[in-house]
Amino acid sequence: ISGVTIATVIVSALILLQLMGNEGMAAKLGPIAVMYLAG
């Protein structure tokens, strides 16, 4: 299950990084949304 979750975090984080960027609020909210999805 860890492997599945790692793949989820990497894929979703890279997608959100392209959609949101990594500056300002994106740097804080991006990882939160990723962890919601991973959970």
PDB file of all heavy atoms in Angstrom:
ATOM      1  N   ILE A   1       0.831  -1.203   0.000  1.00  0.00           N
ATOM      2  CA  ILE A   1       0.000   0.000   0.000  1.00  0.00           C
ATOM      3  C   ILE A   1       0.866   1.254   0.000  1.00  0.00           C
ATOM      4  O   ILE A   1       0.519   2.271  -0.607  1.00  0.00           O
ATOM      5  CB  ILE A   1      -0.936  -0.004   1.230  1.00  0.00           C
ATOM      6  CG1 ILE A   1      -1.858  -1.230   1.202  1.00  0.00           C
ATOM      7  CG2 ILE A   1      -1.778   1.265   1.273  1.00  0.00           C
ATOM      8  CD1 ILE A   1      -2.747  -1.320  -0.001  1.00  0.00           C
ATOM      9  N   SER A   2       2.035   1.182   0.666  1.00  0.00           N
ATOM     10  CA  SER A   2       2.937   2.337   0.684  1.00  0.00           C
ATOM     11  C   SER A   2       3.351   2.718  -0.724  1.00  0.00           C
ATOM     12  O   SER A   2       3.430   3.904  -1.072  1.00  0.00           O
ATOM     13  CB  SER A   2       4.182   2.022   1.514  1.00  0.00           C
ATOM     14  OG  SER A   2       3.857   1.771   2.846  1.00  0.00           O
ATOM     15  N   GLY A   3       3.638   1.715  -1.555  1.00  0.00           N
ATOM     16  CA  GLY A   3       4.042   1.998  -2.926  1.00  0.00           C
ATOM     17  C   GLY A   3       2.950   2.691  -3.711  1.00  0.00           C
ATOM     18  O   GLY A   3       3.198   3.630  -4.477  1.00  0.00           O
ATOM     19  N   VAL A   4       1.717   2.237  -3.530  1.00  0.00           N
ATOM     20  CA  VAL A   4       0.567   2.870  -4.177  1.00  0.00           C
ATOM     21  C   VAL A   4       0.457   4.327  -3.750  1.00  0.00           C
ATOM     22  O   VAL A   4       0.241   5.234  -4.569  1.00  0.00           O
ATOM     23  CB  VAL A   4      -0.717   2.098  -3.826  1.00  0.00           C
ATOM     24  CG1 VAL A   4      -1.959   2.901  -4.189  1.00  0.00           C
ATOM     25  CG2 VAL A   4      -0.739   0.746  -4.539  1.00  0.00           C
ATOM     26  N   THR A   5       0.629   4.576  -2.456  1.00  0.00           N
ATOM     27  CA  THR A   5       0.473   5.933  -1.934  1.00  0.00           C
ATOM     28  C   THR A   5       1.608   6.837  -2.406  1.00  0.00           C
ATOM     29  O   THR A   5       1.391   8.014  -2.716  1.00  0.00           O
ATOM     30  CB  THR A   5       0.424   5.907  -0.398  1.00  0.00           C
ATOM     31  OG1 THR A   5      -0.487   4.898   0.025  1.00  0.00           O
ATOM     32  CG2 THR A   5      -0.026   7.237   0.150  1.00  0.00           C
ATOM     33  N   ILE A   6       2.814   6.309  -2.448  1.00  0.00           N
ATOM     34  CA  ILE A   6       3.949   7.088  -2.945  1.00  0.00           C
ATOM     35  C   ILE A   6       3.701   7.521  -4.384  1.00  0.00           C
ATOM     36  O   ILE A   6       3.925   8.680  -4.763  1.00  0.00           O
ATOM     37  CB  ILE A   6       5.252   6.267  -2.843  1.00  0.00           C
ATOM     38  CG1 ILE A   6       5.653   6.099  -1.377  1.00  0.00           C
ATOM     39  CG2 ILE A   6       6.385   6.930  -3.624  1.00  0.00           C
ATOM     40  CD1 ILE A   6       6.692   5.037  -1.160  1.00  0.00           C
ATOM     41  N   ALA A   7       3.240   6.577  -5.205  1.00  0.00           N
ATOM     42  CA  ALA A   7       2.934   6.913  -6.602  1.00  0.00           C
ATOM     43  C   ALA A   7       1.866   7.998  -6.673  1.00  0.00           C
ATOM     44  O   ALA A   7       1.945   8.927  -7.492  1.00  0.00           O
ATOM     45  CB  ALA A   7       2.486   5.658  -7.347  1.00  0.00           C
ATOM     46  N   THR A   8       0.847   7.908  -5.799  1.00  0.00           N
ATOM     47  CA  THR A   8      -0.210   8.922  -5.756  1.00  0.00           C
ATOM     48  C   THR A   8       0.352  10.296  -5.430  1.00  0.00           C
ATOM     49  O   THR A   8       0.029  11.297  -6.081  1.00  0.00           O
ATOM     50  CB  THR A   8      -1.266   8.547  -4.702  1.00  0.00           C
ATOM     51  OG1 THR A   8      -1.833   7.286  -5.036  1.00  0.00           O
ATOM     52  CG2 THR A   8      -2.355   9.599  -4.625  1.00  0.00           C
ATOM     53  N   VAL A   9       1.190  10.351  -4.389  1.00  0.00           N
ATOM     54  CA  VAL A   9       1.751  11.635  -3.958  1.00  0.00           C
ATOM     55  C   VAL A   9       2.589  12.252  -5.065  1.00  0.00           C
ATOM     56  O   VAL A   9       2.471  13.454  -5.366  1.00  0.00           O
ATOM     57  CB  VAL A   9       2.584  11.440  -2.674  1.00  0.00           C
ATOM     58  CG1 VAL A   9       3.386  12.699  -2.354  1.00  0.00           C
ATOM     59  CG2 VAL A   9       1.681  11.092  -1.500  1.00  0.00           C
ATOM     60  N   ILE A  10       3.433  11.451  -5.695  1.00  0.00           N
ATOM     61  CA  ILE A  10       4.315  11.987  -6.730  1.00  0.00           C
ATOM     62  C   ILE A  10       3.504  12.484  -7.926  1.00  0.00           C
ATOM     63  O   ILE A  10       3.694  13.607  -8.410  1.00  0.00           O
ATOM     64  CB  ILE A  10       5.345  10.924  -7.163  1.00  0.00           C
ATOM     65  CG1 ILE A  10       6.300  10.611  -6.003  1.00  0.00           C
ATOM     66  CG2 ILE A  10       6.135  11.401  -8.381  1.00  0.00           C
ATOM     67  CD1 ILE A  10       7.224   9.458  -6.279  1.00  0.00           C
ATOM     68  N   VAL A  11       2.589  11.642  -8.429  1.00  0.00           N
ATOM     69  CA  VAL A  11       1.809  12.012  -9.611  1.00  0.00           C
ATOM     70  C   VAL A  11       0.955  13.241  -9.333  1.00  0.00           C
ATOM     71  O   VAL A  11       0.952  14.218 -10.107  1.00  0.00           O
ATOM     72  CB  VAL A  11       0.924  10.831 -10.060  1.00  0.00           C
ATOM     73  CG1 VAL A  11      -0.069  11.274 -11.125  1.00  0.00           C
ATOM     74  CG2 VAL A  11       1.788   9.693 -10.587  1.00  0.00           C
ATOM     75  N   SER A  12       0.204  13.227  -8.227  1.00  0.00           N
ATOM     76  CA  SER A  12      -0.699  14.347  -7.941  1.00  0.00           C
ATOM     77  C   SER A  12       0.074  15.624  -7.627  1.00  0.00           C
ATOM     78  O   SER A  12      -0.342  16.726  -8.018  1.00  0.00           O
ATOM     79  CB  SER A  12      -1.634  13.995  -6.779  1.00  0.00           C
ATOM     80  OG  SER A  12      -0.897  13.681  -5.612  1.00  0.00           O
ATOM     81  N   ALA A  13       1.206  15.507  -6.940  1.00  0.00           N
ATOM     82  CA  ALA A  13       1.996  16.699  -6.628  1.00  0.00           C
ATOM     83  C   ALA A  13       2.561  17.326  -7.898  1.00  0.00           C
ATOM     84  O   ALA A  13       2.566  18.560  -8.051  1.00  0.00           O
ATOM     85  CB  ALA A  13       3.132  16.342  -5.668  1.00  0.00           C
ATOM     86  N   LEU A  14       3.031  16.508  -8.827  1.00  0.00           N
ATOM     87  CA  LEU A  14       3.569  17.045 -10.079  1.00  0.00           C
ATOM     88  C   LEU A  14       2.460  17.698 -10.911  1.00  0.00           C
ATOM     89  O   LEU A  14       2.683  18.746 -11.542  1.00  0.00           O
ATOM     90  CB  LEU A  14       4.247  15.928 -10.874  1.00  0.00           C
ATOM     91  CG  LEU A  14       5.555  15.393 -10.265  1.00  0.00           C
ATOM     92  CD1 LEU A  14       6.074  14.207 -11.065  1.00  0.00           C
ATOM     93  CD2 LEU A  14       6.613  16.491 -10.199  1.00  0.00           C
ATOM     94  N   ILE A  15       1.258  17.101 -10.915  1.00  0.00           N
ATOM     95  CA  ILE A  15       0.139  17.707 -11.650  1.00  0.00           C
ATOM     96  C   ILE A  15      -0.250  19.043 -11.025  1.00  0.00           C
ATOM     97  O   ILE A  15      -0.413  20.066 -11.717  1.00  0.00           O
ATOM     98  CB  ILE A  15      -1.064  16.744 -11.677  1.00  0.00           C
ATOM     99  CG1 ILE A  15      -0.750  15.527 -12.552  1.00  0.00           C
ATOM    100  CG2 ILE A  15      -2.314  17.464 -12.193  1.00  0.00           C
ATOM    101  CD1 ILE A  15      -1.813  14.448 -12.511  1.00  0.00           C
ATOM    102  N   LEU A  16      -0.393  19.055  -9.696  1.00  0.00           N
ATOM    103  CA  LEU A  16      -0.773  20.298  -9.016  1.00  0.00           C
ATOM    104  C   LEU A  16       0.305  21.369  -9.144  1.00  0.00           C
ATOM    105  O   LEU A  16       0.003  22.562  -9.201  1.00  0.00           O
ATOM    106  CB  LEU A  16      -1.058  20.022  -7.542  1.00  0.00           C
ATOM    107  CG  LEU A  16      -2.447  19.491  -7.197  1.00  0.00           C
ATOM    108  CD1 LEU A  16      -2.601  19.362  -5.695  1.00  0.00           C
ATOM    109  CD2 LEU A  16      -3.525  20.392  -7.746  1.00  0.00           C
ATOM    110  N   LEU A  17       1.548  20.936  -9.188  1.00  0.00           N
ATOM    111  CA  LEU A  17       2.647  21.898  -9.340  1.00  0.00           C
ATOM    112  C   LEU A  17       2.503  22.650 -10.659  1.00  0.00           C
ATOM    113  O   LEU A  17       2.750  23.861 -10.723  1.00  0.00           O
ATOM    114  CB  LEU A  17       3.990  21.164  -9.277  1.00  0.00           C
ATOM    115  CG  LEU A  17       5.246  22.035  -9.336  1.00  0.00           C
ATOM    116  CD1 LEU A  17       5.319  22.954  -8.127  1.00  0.00           C
ATOM    117  CD2 LEU A  17       6.495  21.159  -9.415  1.00  0.00           C
ATOM    118  N   GLN A  18       2.092  21.932 -11.709  1.00  0.00           N
ATOM    119  CA  GLN A  18       1.891  22.586 -13.001  1.00  0.00           C
ATOM    120  C   GLN A  18       0.656  23.487 -12.982  1.00  0.00           C
ATOM    121  O   GLN A  18       0.632  24.538 -13.643  1.00  0.00           O
ATOM    122  CB  GLN A  18       1.737  21.521 -14.098  1.00  0.00           C
ATOM    123  CG  GLN A  18       2.955  20.639 -14.290  1.00  0.00           C
ATOM    124  CD  GLN A  18       4.213  21.430 -14.591  1.00  0.00           C
ATOM    125  OE1 GLN A  18       4.201  22.317 -15.445  1.00  0.00           O
ATOM    126  NE2 GLN A  18       5.286  21.126 -13.886  1.00  0.00           N
ATOM    127  N   LEU A  19      -0.358  23.102 -12.239  1.00  0.00           N
ATOM    128  CA  LEU A  19      -1.597  23.874 -12.207  1.00  0.00           C
ATOM    129  C   LEU A  19      -1.508  25.092 -11.287  1.00  0.00           C
ATOM    130  O   LEU A  19      -2.088  26.147 -11.578  1.00  0.00           O
ATOM    131  CB  LEU A  19      -2.757  22.985 -11.740  1.00  0.00           C
ATOM    132  CG  LEU A  19      -3.140  21.816 -12.647  1.00  0.00           C
ATOM    133  CD1 LEU A  19      -4.213  20.964 -11.975  1.00  0.00           C
ATOM    134  CD2 LEU A  19      -3.629  22.316 -13.999  1.00  0.00           C
ATOM    135  N   MET A  20      -0.796  24.947 -10.173  1.00  0.00           N
ATOM    136  CA  MET A  20      -0.793  25.981  -9.138  1.00  0.00           C
ATOM    137  C   MET A  20       0.510  26.755  -9.038  1.00  0.00           C
ATOM    138  O   MET A  20       0.529  27.857  -8.482  1.00  0.00           O
ATOM    139  CB  MET A  20      -1.089  25.332  -7.765  1.00  0.00           C
ATOM    140  CG  MET A  20      -2.430  24.626  -7.683  1.00  0.00           C
ATOM    141  SD  MET A  20      -2.633  23.728  -6.114  1.00  0.00           S
ATOM    142  CE  MET A  20      -2.567  25.056  -4.921  1.00  0.00           C
ATOM    143  N   GLY A  21       1.608  26.157  -9.522  1.00  0.00           N
ATOM    144  CA  GLY A  21       2.906  26.751  -9.255  1.00  0.00           C
ATOM    145  C   GLY A  21       3.360  26.412  -7.852  1.00  0.00           C
ATOM    146  O   GLY A  21       2.734  25.608  -7.149  1.00  0.00           O
ATOM    147  N   ASN A  22       4.450  27.041  -7.403  1.00  0.00           N
ATOM    148  CA  ASN A  22       4.954  26.750  -6.058  1.00  0.00           C
ATOM    149  C   ASN A  22       5.331  28.018  -5.294  1.00  0.00           C
ATOM    150  O   ASN A  22       6.231  27.999  -4.456  1.00  0.00           O
ATOM    151  CB  ASN A  22       6.150  25.803  -6.132  1.00  0.00           C
ATOM    152  CG  ASN A  22       7.334  26.405  -6.877  1.00  0.00           C
ATOM    153  OD1 ASN A  22       7.194  27.439  -7.530  1.00  0.00           O
ATOM    154  ND2 ASN A  22       8.486  25.770  -6.776  1.00  0.00           N
ATOM    155  N   GLU A  23       4.626  29.095  -5.585  1.00  0.00           N
ATOM    156  CA  GLU A  23       4.906  30.351  -4.898  1.00  0.00           C
ATOM    157  C   GLU A  23       3.676  30.796  -4.115  1.00  0.00           C
ATOM    158  O   GLU A  23       2.544  30.492  -4.475  1.00  0.00           O
ATOM    159  CB  GLU A  23       5.313  31.434  -5.900  1.00  0.00           C
ATOM    160  CG  GLU A  23       6.611  31.116  -6.639  1.00  0.00           C
ATOM    161  CD  GLU A  23       6.988  32.222  -7.609  1.00  0.00           C
ATOM    162  OE1 GLU A  23       6.195  33.198  -7.738  1.00  0.00           O
ATOM    163  OE2 GLU A  23       8.054  32.108  -8.245  1.00  0.00           O
ATOM    164  N   GLY A  24       3.931  31.525  -3.052  1.00  0.00           N
ATOM    165  CA  GLY A  24       2.843  32.076  -2.257  1.00  0.00           C
ATOM    166  C   GLY A  24       1.979  30.999  -1.628  1.00  0.00           C
ATOM    167  O   GLY A  24       2.473  30.046  -1.032  1.00  0.00           O
ATOM    168  N   MET A  25       0.667  31.133  -1.797  1.00  0.00           N
ATOM    169  CA  MET A  25      -0.267  30.195  -1.189  1.00  0.00           C
ATOM    170  C   MET A  25      -0.129  28.788  -1.760  1.00  0.00           C
ATOM    171  O   MET A  25      -0.424  27.800  -1.085  1.00  0.00           O
ATOM    172  CB  MET A  25      -1.706  30.679  -1.391  1.00  0.00           C
ATOM    173  CG  MET A  25      -2.060  31.959  -0.651  1.00  0.00           C
ATOM    174  SD  MET A  25      -3.799  32.393  -0.856  1.00  0.00           S
ATOM    175  CE  MET A  25      -4.567  31.066   0.065  1.00  0.00           C
ATOM    176  N   ALA A  26       0.331  28.680  -2.998  1.00  0.00           N
ATOM    177  CA  ALA A  26       0.454  27.358  -3.626  1.00  0.00           C
ATOM    178  C   ALA A  26       1.425  26.468  -2.869  1.00  0.00           C
ATOM    179  O   ALA A  26       1.200  25.262  -2.737  1.00  0.00           O
ATOM    180  CB  ALA A  26       0.896  27.509  -5.077  1.00  0.00           C
ATOM    181  N   ALA A  27       2.520  27.053  -2.378  1.00  0.00           N
ATOM    182  CA  ALA A  27       3.519  26.259  -1.652  1.00  0.00           C
ATOM    183  C   ALA A  27       2.943  25.678  -0.369  1.00  0.00           C
ATOM    184  O   ALA A  27       3.387  24.622   0.096  1.00  0.00           O
ATOM    185  CB  ALA A  27       4.739  27.122  -1.339  1.00  0.00           C
ATOM    186  N   LYS A  28       1.934  26.344   0.203  1.00  0.00           N
ATOM    187  CA  LYS A  28       1.312  25.857   1.439  1.00  0.00           C
ATOM    188  C   LYS A  28       0.122  24.943   1.156  1.00  0.00           C
ATOM    189  O   LYS A  28      -0.004  23.868   1.757  1.00  0.00           O
ATOM    190  CB  LYS A  28       0.850  27.048   2.281  1.00  0.00           C
ATOM    191  CG  LYS A  28       0.107  26.650   3.545  1.00  0.00           C
ATOM    192  CD  LYS A  28      -0.398  27.873   4.295  1.00  0.00           C
ATOM    193  CE  LYS A  28      -1.201  27.460   5.531  1.00  0.00           C
ATOM    194  NZ  LYS A  28      -1.746  28.639   6.249  1.00  0.00           N
ATOM    195  N   LEU A  29      -0.740  25.357   0.220  1.00  0.00           N
ATOM    196  CA  LEU A  29      -1.980  24.620  -0.015  1.00  0.00           C
ATOM    197  C   LEU A  29      -1.777  23.406  -0.915  1.00  0.00           C
ATOM    198  O   LEU A  29      -2.530  22.430  -0.813  1.00  0.00           O
ATOM    199  CB  LEU A  29      -3.027  25.543  -0.630  1.00  0.00           C
ATOM    200  CG  LEU A  29      -3.480  26.722   0.236  1.00  0.00           C
ATOM    201  CD1 LEU A  29      -4.506  27.567  -0.499  1.00  0.00           C
ATOM    202  CD2 LEU A  29      -4.065  26.224   1.555  1.00  0.00           C
ATOM    203  N   GLY A  30      -0.787  23.444  -1.803  1.00  0.00           N
ATOM    204  CA  GLY A  30      -0.544  22.315  -2.697  1.00  0.00           C
ATOM    205  C   GLY A  30      -0.299  21.009  -1.952  1.00  0.00           C
ATOM    206  O   GLY A  30      -0.982  20.003  -2.206  1.00  0.00           O
ATOM    207  N   PRO A  31       0.663  20.978  -1.008  1.00  0.00           N
ATOM    208  CA  PRO A  31       0.890  19.741  -0.255  1.00  0.00           C
ATOM    209  C   PRO A  31      -0.326  19.287   0.542  1.00  0.00           C
ATOM    210  O   PRO A  31      -0.540  18.080   0.715  1.00  0.00           O
ATOM    211  CB  PRO A  31       2.060  20.112   0.682  1.00  0.00           C
ATOM    212  CG  PRO A  31       2.769  21.225  -0.004  1.00  0.00           C
ATOM    213  CD  PRO A  31       1.693  21.994  -0.710  1.00  0.00           C
ATOM    214  N   ILE A  32      -1.145  20.234   1.016  1.00  0.00           N
ATOM    215  CA  ILE A  32      -2.349  19.856   1.772  1.00  0.00           C
ATOM    216  C   ILE A  32      -3.323  19.104   0.864  1.00  0.00           C
ATOM    217  O   ILE A  32      -3.844  18.037   1.229  1.00  0.00           O
ATOM    218  CB  ILE A  32      -3.024  21.104   2.368  1.00  0.00           C
ATOM    219  CG1 ILE A  32      -2.100  21.774   3.388  1.00  0.00           C
ATOM    220  CG2 ILE A  32      -4.351  20.739   3.014  1.00  0.00           C
ATOM    221  CD1 ILE A  32      -2.619  23.098   3.924  1.00  0.00           C
ATOM    222  N   ALA A  33      -3.570  19.644  -0.333  1.00  0.00           N
ATOM    223  CA  ALA A  33      -4.478  18.972  -1.269  1.00  0.00           C
ATOM    224  C   ALA A  33      -3.936  17.606  -1.667  1.00  0.00           C
ATOM    225  O   ALA A  33      -4.696  16.635  -1.800  1.00  0.00           O
ATOM    226  CB  ALA A  33      -4.675  19.846  -2.508  1.00  0.00           C
ATOM    227  N   VAL A  34      -2.624  17.512  -1.848  1.00  0.00           N
ATOM    228  CA  VAL A  34      -1.994  16.225  -2.190  1.00  0.00           C
ATOM    229  C   VAL A  34      -2.241  15.203  -1.089  1.00  0.00           C
ATOM    230  O   VAL A  34      -2.573  14.037  -1.359  1.00  0.00           O
ATOM    231  CB  VAL A  34      -0.481  16.410  -2.434  1.00  0.00           C
ATOM    232  CG1 VAL A  34       0.224  15.057  -2.489  1.00  0.00           C
ATOM    233  CG2 VAL A  34      -0.245  17.162  -3.731  1.00  0.00           C
ATOM    234  N   MET A  35      -2.102  15.611   0.169  1.00  0.00           N
ATOM    235  CA  MET A  35      -2.281  14.664   1.270  1.00  0.00           C
ATOM    236  C   MET A  35      -3.745  14.272   1.435  1.00  0.00           C
ATOM    237  O   MET A  35      -4.042  13.141   1.832  1.00  0.00           O
ATOM    238  CB  MET A  35      -1.735  15.246   2.578  1.00  0.00           C
ATOM    239  CG  MET A  35      -0.229  15.469   2.599  1.00  0.00           C
ATOM    240  SD  MET A  35       0.739  14.128   1.849  1.00  0.00           S
ATOM    241  CE  MET A  35       0.169  12.728   2.759  1.00  0.00           C
ATOM    242  N   TYR A  36      -4.670  15.170   1.147  1.00  0.00           N
ATOM    243  CA  TYR A  36      -6.093  14.795   1.154  1.00  0.00           C
ATOM    244  C   TYR A  36      -6.333  13.682   0.137  1.00  0.00           C
ATOM    245  O   TYR A  36      -7.000  12.678   0.423  1.00  0.00           O
ATOM    246  CB  TYR A  36      -6.967  16.002   0.816  1.00  0.00           C
ATOM    247  CG  TYR A  36      -7.314  16.906   1.972  1.00  0.00           C
ATOM    248  CD1 TYR A  36      -6.366  17.235   2.940  1.00  0.00           C
ATOM    249  CD2 TYR A  36      -8.583  17.458   2.108  1.00  0.00           C
ATOM    250  CE1 TYR A  36      -6.682  18.082   3.989  1.00  0.00           C
ATOM    251  CE2 TYR A  36      -8.909  18.299   3.155  1.00  0.00           C
ATOM    252  CZ  TYR A  36      -7.958  18.611   4.090  1.00  0.00           C
ATOM    253  OH  TYR A  36      -8.270  19.436   5.138  1.00  0.00           O
ATOM    254  N   LEU A  37      -5.803  13.880  -1.077  1.00  0.00           N
ATOM    255  CA  LEU A  37      -5.971  12.878  -2.128  1.00  0.00           C
ATOM    256  C   LEU A  37      -5.286  11.577  -1.739  1.00  0.00           C
ATOM    257  O   LEU A  37      -5.863  10.484  -1.902  1.00  0.00           O
ATOM    258  CB  LEU A  37      -5.392  13.404  -3.444  1.00  0.00           C
ATOM    259  CG  LEU A  37      -5.431  12.440  -4.629  1.00  0.00           C
ATOM    260  CD1 LEU A  37      -6.871  12.119  -5.018  1.00  0.00           C
ATOM    261  CD2 LEU A  37      -4.674  13.025  -5.826  1.00  0.00           C
ATOM    262  N   ALA A  38      -4.067  11.673  -1.217  1.00  0.00           N
ATOM    263  CA  ALA A  38      -3.329  10.469  -0.819  1.00  0.00           C
ATOM    264  C   ALA A  38      -4.062   9.715   0.275  1.00  0.00           C
ATOM    265  O   ALA A  38      -4.100   8.478   0.279  1.00  0.00           O
ATOM    266  CB  ALA A  38      -1.921  10.844  -0.349  1.00  0.00           C
ATOM    267  N   GLY A  39      -4.668  10.444   1.233  1.00  0.00           N
ATOM    268  CA  GLY A  39      -5.406   9.792   2.310  1.00  0.00           C
ATOM    269  C   GLY A  39      -6.575   8.981   1.787  1.00  0.00           C
ATOM    270  O   GLY A  39      -6.816   7.853   2.228  1.00  0.00           O
TER     271      GLY A  39
END
